[in-house]
Amino acid sequence: MPDLHIPSQRPRTRRLFRCALCGHRLRFGSSQCGACWSRTPLYNRVGFYRGLGVGLVVLTALGFLMSL
């Protein structure tokens, strides 16, 4: 059997947001811009979505308990 070499590729990073100051495309989850080092928006961080999910679960549970 021939030895097949499949080159490994790094997964592409998703850059959904842009820096408000310089326009650099930000990696998701970064707390600072890689170009100008300014703080990124809160919604670019993973903790924001975790907190949002926990808050929605708590509000749903409270709504369910209030309806009993």
Protein backbone atom coordinates (compact mmCIF):
# COMPACT_ATOMS: atom_id res chain seq x y z
CA MET A 1 0.00 0.00 0.00
CA PRO A 2 1.33 3.44 -0.83
CA ASP A 3 1.99 5.81 2.03
CA LEU A 4 -0.54 8.64 1.65
CA HIS A 5 0.43 11.84 3.35
CA ILE A 6 -2.51 14.09 4.21
CA PRO A 7 -1.32 17.54 5.22
CA SER A 8 -2.79 18.73 8.48
CA GLN A 9 -4.53 22.05 8.45
CA ARG A 10 -5.21 24.29 11.38
CA PRO A 11 -8.88 25.03 11.92
CA ARG A 12 -9.84 28.52 10.87
CA THR A 13 -10.73 30.88 13.66
CA ARG A 14 -14.07 32.59 13.44
CA ARG A 15 -13.81 36.33 13.55
CA LEU A 16 -17.35 37.56 14.00
CA PHE A 17 -16.77 41.00 15.51
CA ARG A 18 -14.60 43.98 14.66
CA CYS A 19 -12.73 46.35 16.93
CA ALA A 20 -14.61 49.61 17.42
CA LEU A 21 -11.39 51.66 17.33
CA CYS A 22 -9.27 50.19 14.54
CA GLY A 23 -11.60 47.81 12.67
CA HIS A 24 -9.41 44.73 13.24
CA ARG A 25 -11.34 41.45 13.07
CA LEU A 26 -11.47 39.96 16.57
CA ARG A 27 -11.21 36.33 17.58
CA PHE A 28 -14.21 35.14 19.55
CA GLY A 29 -13.49 35.08 23.26
CA SER A 30 -10.62 37.55 23.21
CA SER A 31 -10.65 40.32 25.79
CA GLN A 32 -8.35 42.66 23.85
CA CYS A 33 -7.88 43.62 20.22
CA GLY A 34 -4.79 42.01 18.72
CA ALA A 35 -3.88 45.16 16.80
CA CYS A 36 -4.51 48.13 19.11
CA TRP A 37 -4.92 46.34 22.49
CA SER A 38 -8.21 48.08 23.30
CA ARG A 39 -10.84 46.21 25.31
CA THR A 40 -13.31 44.20 23.25
CA PRO A 41 -17.07 44.44 23.71
CA LEU A 42 -18.63 42.31 26.42
CA TYR A 43 -20.64 40.28 23.90
CA ASN A 44 -17.38 39.05 22.31
CA ARG A 45 -16.51 37.05 25.43
CA VAL A 46 -17.59 33.51 26.27
CA GLY A 47 -18.61 34.42 29.83
CA PHE A 48 -21.31 36.74 28.51
CA TYR A 49 -23.11 33.89 26.77
CA ARG A 50 -22.67 31.55 29.73
CA GLY A 51 -24.19 34.16 32.05
CA LEU A 52 -26.99 34.80 29.58
CA GLY A 53 -27.77 31.08 29.42
CA VAL A 54 -27.75 30.70 33.21
CA GLY A 55 -29.96 33.77 33.56
CA LEU A 56 -32.48 32.42 31.07
CA VAL A 57 -32.60 29.07 32.88
CA VAL A 58 -33.14 30.80 36.23
CA LEU A 59 -35.87 33.05 34.83
CA THR A 60 -37.59 30.10 33.18
CA ALA A 61 -37.46 28.12 36.44
CA LEU A 62 -38.84 31.08 38.41
CA GLY A 63 -41.63 31.54 35.87
CA PHE A 64 -42.50 27.88 36.12
CA LEU A 65 -42.52 27.96 39.94
CA MET A 66 -44.68 31.12 39.97
CA SER A 67 -47.26 29.47 37.73
CA LEU A 68 -47.82 26.59 40.21
